[in-house]
Amino acid sequence: RNDFKKPQIMEYIHDVSEFDTIIHLDDSNHHNANIYYTLDGSPPTQHYRNVHPYNRNNGIRLHPTGLHVLRAYSTLDEKLSSFIQYSRPTFVLDNGTFDSPGSIEPIDPPWDSC
């Protein structure tokens, strides 16, 4: 049985996000627990160069432009670990090109105009 809780995403992640949006994780586990995350949707359990340690003071910044899927997990002394938390996909727009979610026009599929 795994009582070690996975980190919780504190902000709602929209389908489209502003460049440099900051996301915070809440870890209600032991204060010595470490959180690791990825933004490309890959598992954060393998320590490759796309796996980053979470900094509670800075949060996670969504950049560069493109599609991101946040995945994170907590671990204590590399022995006890949580399940992986994951976010919905979000597309991060280029710096300065996003006004508000209501400003995005839906695209009509081409088969509706036949």
C-alpha atoms as a PDB file:
ATOM      1  CA  ARG A   1       0.000   0.000   0.000  1.00  0.00           C
ATOM      2  CA  ASN A   2       1.351   3.398  -1.002  1.00  0.00           C
ATOM      3  CA  ASP A   3       0.482   6.147   1.511  1.00  0.00           C
ATOM      4  CA  PHE A   4       3.044   8.526   0.029  1.00  0.00           C
ATOM      5  CA  LYS A   5       0.892  11.115  -1.748  1.00  0.00           C
ATOM      6  CA  LYS A   6       1.568  12.361  -5.255  1.00  0.00           C
ATOM      7  CA  PRO A   7       2.145  16.122  -5.632  1.00  0.00           C
ATOM      8  CA  GLN A   8      -0.969  18.146  -6.430  1.00  0.00           C
ATOM      9  CA  ILE A   9      -1.085  20.793  -9.161  1.00  0.00           C
ATOM     10  CA  MET A  10      -2.276  23.988  -7.479  1.00  0.00           C
ATOM     11  CA  GLU A  11      -3.378  26.008 -10.525  1.00  0.00           C
ATOM     12  CA  TYR A  12      -5.815  25.079 -13.267  1.00  0.00           C
ATOM     13  CA  ILE A  13      -3.907  24.435 -16.490  1.00  0.00           C
ATOM     14  CA  HIS A  14      -5.817  25.696 -19.540  1.00  0.00           C
ATOM     15  CA  ASP A  15      -5.689  24.185 -23.041  1.00  0.00           C
ATOM     16  CA  VAL A  16      -3.730  27.276 -24.105  1.00  0.00           C
ATOM     17  CA  SER A  17      -1.352  29.009 -21.672  1.00  0.00           C
ATOM     18  CA  GLU A  18       0.546  32.252 -21.653  1.00  0.00           C
ATOM     19  CA  PHE A  19       4.303  32.132 -22.111  1.00  0.00           C
ATOM     20  CA  ASP A  20       6.094  31.843 -18.735  1.00  0.00           C
ATOM     21  CA  THR A  21       2.976  30.846 -16.761  1.00  0.00           C
ATOM     22  CA  ILE A  22       4.021  29.636 -13.294  1.00  0.00           C
ATOM     23  CA  ILE A  23       2.604  26.387 -11.919  1.00  0.00           C
ATOM     24  CA  HIS A  24       3.013  25.322  -8.296  1.00  0.00           C
ATOM     25  CA  LEU A  25       2.893  21.852  -6.805  1.00  0.00           C
ATOM     26  CA  ASP A  26       1.672  21.059  -3.293  1.00  0.00           C
ATOM     27  CA  ASP A  27       3.457  18.242  -1.591  1.00  0.00           C
ATOM     28  CA  SER A  28       1.814  17.261   1.669  1.00  0.00           C
ATOM     29  CA  ASN A  29       4.381  14.517   2.263  1.00  0.00           C
ATOM     30  CA  HIS A  30       7.399  14.649   4.516  1.00  0.00           C
ATOM     31  CA  HIS A  31       9.247  18.007   4.362  1.00  0.00           C
ATOM     32  CA  ASN A  32      12.409  16.210   3.154  1.00  0.00           C
ATOM     33  CA  ALA A  33      10.627  14.754   0.124  1.00  0.00           C
ATOM     34  CA  ASN A  34      11.910  15.727  -3.310  1.00  0.00           C
ATOM     35  CA  ILE A  35       9.690  16.344  -6.329  1.00  0.00           C
ATOM     36  CA  TYR A  36      10.854  15.685  -9.875  1.00  0.00           C
ATOM     37  CA  TYR A  37       8.963  16.715 -13.006  1.00  0.00           C
ATOM     38  CA  THR A  38       8.993  16.772 -16.795  1.00  0.00           C
ATOM     39  CA  LEU A  39       7.133  19.041 -19.203  1.00  0.00           C
ATOM     40  CA  ASP A  40       7.261  16.786 -22.264  1.00  0.00           C
ATOM     41  CA  GLY A  41       4.932  14.123 -20.864  1.00  0.00           C
ATOM     42  CA  SER A  42       7.698  11.597 -20.250  1.00  0.00           C
ATOM     43  CA  PRO A  43       7.895   9.813 -16.882  1.00  0.00           C
ATOM     44  CA  PRO A  44       9.841  11.879 -14.333  1.00  0.00           C
ATOM     45  CA  THR A  45      11.144   8.748 -12.633  1.00  0.00           C
ATOM     46  CA  GLN A  46      14.102   8.303 -14.981  1.00  0.00           C
ATOM     47  CA  HIS A  47      16.830  10.852 -14.308  1.00  0.00           C
ATOM     48  CA  TYR A  48      17.526  12.094 -17.809  1.00  0.00           C
ATOM     49  CA  ARG A  49      18.207  15.664 -18.842  1.00  0.00           C
ATOM     50  CA  ASN A  50      14.495  16.445 -19.324  1.00  0.00           C
ATOM     51  CA  VAL A  51      13.765  15.574 -15.643  1.00  0.00           C
ATOM     52  CA  HIS A  52      13.997  18.578 -13.333  1.00  0.00           C
ATOM     53  CA  PRO A  53      13.980  18.881  -9.537  1.00  0.00           C
ATOM     54  CA  TYR A  54      11.047  21.008  -8.353  1.00  0.00           C
ATOM     55  CA  ASN A  55      11.959  24.216  -6.528  1.00  0.00           C
ATOM     56  CA  ARG A  56       9.170  25.116  -4.083  1.00  0.00           C
ATOM     57  CA  ASN A  57      10.204  28.806  -4.105  1.00  0.00           C
ATOM     58  CA  ASN A  58      10.168  29.234  -7.887  1.00  0.00           C
ATOM     59  CA  GLY A  59       7.481  26.869  -9.130  1.00  0.00           C
ATOM     60  CA  ILE A  60       7.475  25.594 -12.709  1.00  0.00           C
ATOM     61  CA  ARG A  61       7.583  28.042 -15.625  1.00  0.00           C
ATOM     62  CA  LEU A  62       5.819  27.005 -18.810  1.00  0.00           C
ATOM     63  CA  HIS A  63       8.178  27.786 -21.660  1.00  0.00           C
ATOM     64  CA  PRO A  64       9.297  27.433 -24.450  1.00  0.00           C
ATOM     65  CA  THR A  65       6.459  27.767 -26.937  1.00  0.00           C
ATOM     66  CA  GLY A  66       4.783  24.470 -27.787  1.00  0.00           C
ATOM     67  CA  LEU A  67       2.833  21.595 -26.303  1.00  0.00           C
ATOM     68  CA  HIS A  68       3.497  20.707 -22.659  1.00  0.00           C
ATOM     69  CA  VAL A  69       2.274  17.922 -20.378  1.00  0.00           C
ATOM     70  CA  LEU A  70       3.441  18.232 -16.781  1.00  0.00           C
ATOM     71  CA  ARG A  71       4.233  14.978 -14.990  1.00  0.00           C
ATOM     72  CA  ALA A  72       5.567  14.975 -11.420  1.00  0.00           C
ATOM     73  CA  TYR A  73       6.189  12.625  -8.529  1.00  0.00           C
ATOM     74  CA  SER A  74       7.525  12.780  -4.966  1.00  0.00           C
ATOM     75  CA  THR A  75      10.282  10.660  -3.522  1.00  0.00           C
ATOM     76  CA  LEU A  76      11.841  10.333  -0.083  1.00  0.00           C
ATOM     77  CA  ASP A  77      15.496   9.276   0.022  1.00  0.00           C
ATOM     78  CA  GLU A  78      15.035   7.609  -3.397  1.00  0.00           C
ATOM     79  CA  LYS A  79      13.384   4.699  -1.543  1.00  0.00           C
ATOM     80  CA  LEU A  80       9.742   5.649  -1.130  1.00  0.00           C
ATOM     81  CA  SER A  81       7.933   7.293  -4.025  1.00  0.00           C
ATOM     82  CA  SER A  82       4.459   8.443  -4.954  1.00  0.00           C
ATOM     83  CA  PHE A  83       2.317   7.747  -7.968  1.00  0.00           C
ATOM     84  CA  ILE A  84       2.889  10.126 -10.889  1.00  0.00           C
ATOM     85  CA  GLN A  85       0.688  13.220 -11.135  1.00  0.00           C
ATOM     86  CA  TYR A  86       0.018  14.501 -14.629  1.00  0.00           C
ATOM     87  CA  SER A  87      -1.648  17.563 -16.116  1.00  0.00           C
ATOM     88  CA  ARG A  88      -3.874  18.047 -19.086  1.00  0.00           C
ATOM     89  CA  PRO A  89      -1.953  19.064 -22.231  1.00  0.00           C
ATOM     90  CA  THR A  90      -1.446  22.784 -22.686  1.00  0.00           C
ATOM     91  CA  PHE A  91      -0.112  24.696 -25.649  1.00  0.00           C
ATOM     92  CA  VAL A  92       2.151  27.569 -24.604  1.00  0.00           C
ATOM     93  CA  LEU A  93       1.918  30.485 -27.018  1.00  0.00           C
ATOM     94  CA  ASP A  94       4.815  32.650 -28.080  1.00  0.00           C
ATOM     95  CA  ASN A  95       5.710  35.476 -25.702  1.00  0.00           C
ATOM     96  CA  GLY A  96       3.205  38.335 -26.050  1.00  0.00           C
ATOM     97  CA  THR A  97       0.708  36.656 -28.404  1.00  0.00           C
ATOM     98  CA  PHE A  98      -1.989  35.704 -25.908  1.00  0.00           C
ATOM     99  CA  ASP A  99      -4.737  38.097 -24.820  1.00  0.00           C
ATOM    100  CA  SER A 100      -7.318  35.936 -23.066  1.00  0.00           C
ATOM    101  CA  PRO A 101      -8.982  32.534 -23.488  1.00  0.00           C
ATOM    102  CA  GLY A 102     -12.040  34.250 -25.003  1.00  0.00           C
ATOM    103  CA  SER A 103      -9.930  35.830 -27.739  1.00  0.00           C
ATOM    104  CA  ILE A 104      -9.189  32.505 -29.435  1.00  0.00           C
ATOM    105  CA  GLU A 105     -11.491  31.864 -32.368  1.00  0.00           C
ATOM    106  CA  PRO A 106     -12.588  28.266 -32.957  1.00  0.00           C
ATOM    107  CA  ILE A 107     -11.498  26.768 -36.258  1.00  0.00           C
ATOM    108  CA  ASP A 108     -14.189  25.264 -38.472  1.00  0.00           C
ATOM    109  CA  PRO A 109     -13.175  21.849 -39.756  1.00  0.00           C
ATOM    110  CA  PRO A 110     -12.767  21.805 -43.550  1.00  0.00           C
ATOM    111  CA  TRP A 111     -15.317  18.997 -44.033  1.00  0.00           C
ATOM    112  CA  ASP A 112     -18.129  21.327 -42.824  1.00  0.00           C
ATOM    113  CA  SER A 113     -17.718  23.512 -45.929  1.00  0.00           C
ATOM    114  CA  CYS A 114     -18.255  20.694 -48.470  1.00  0.00           C
END
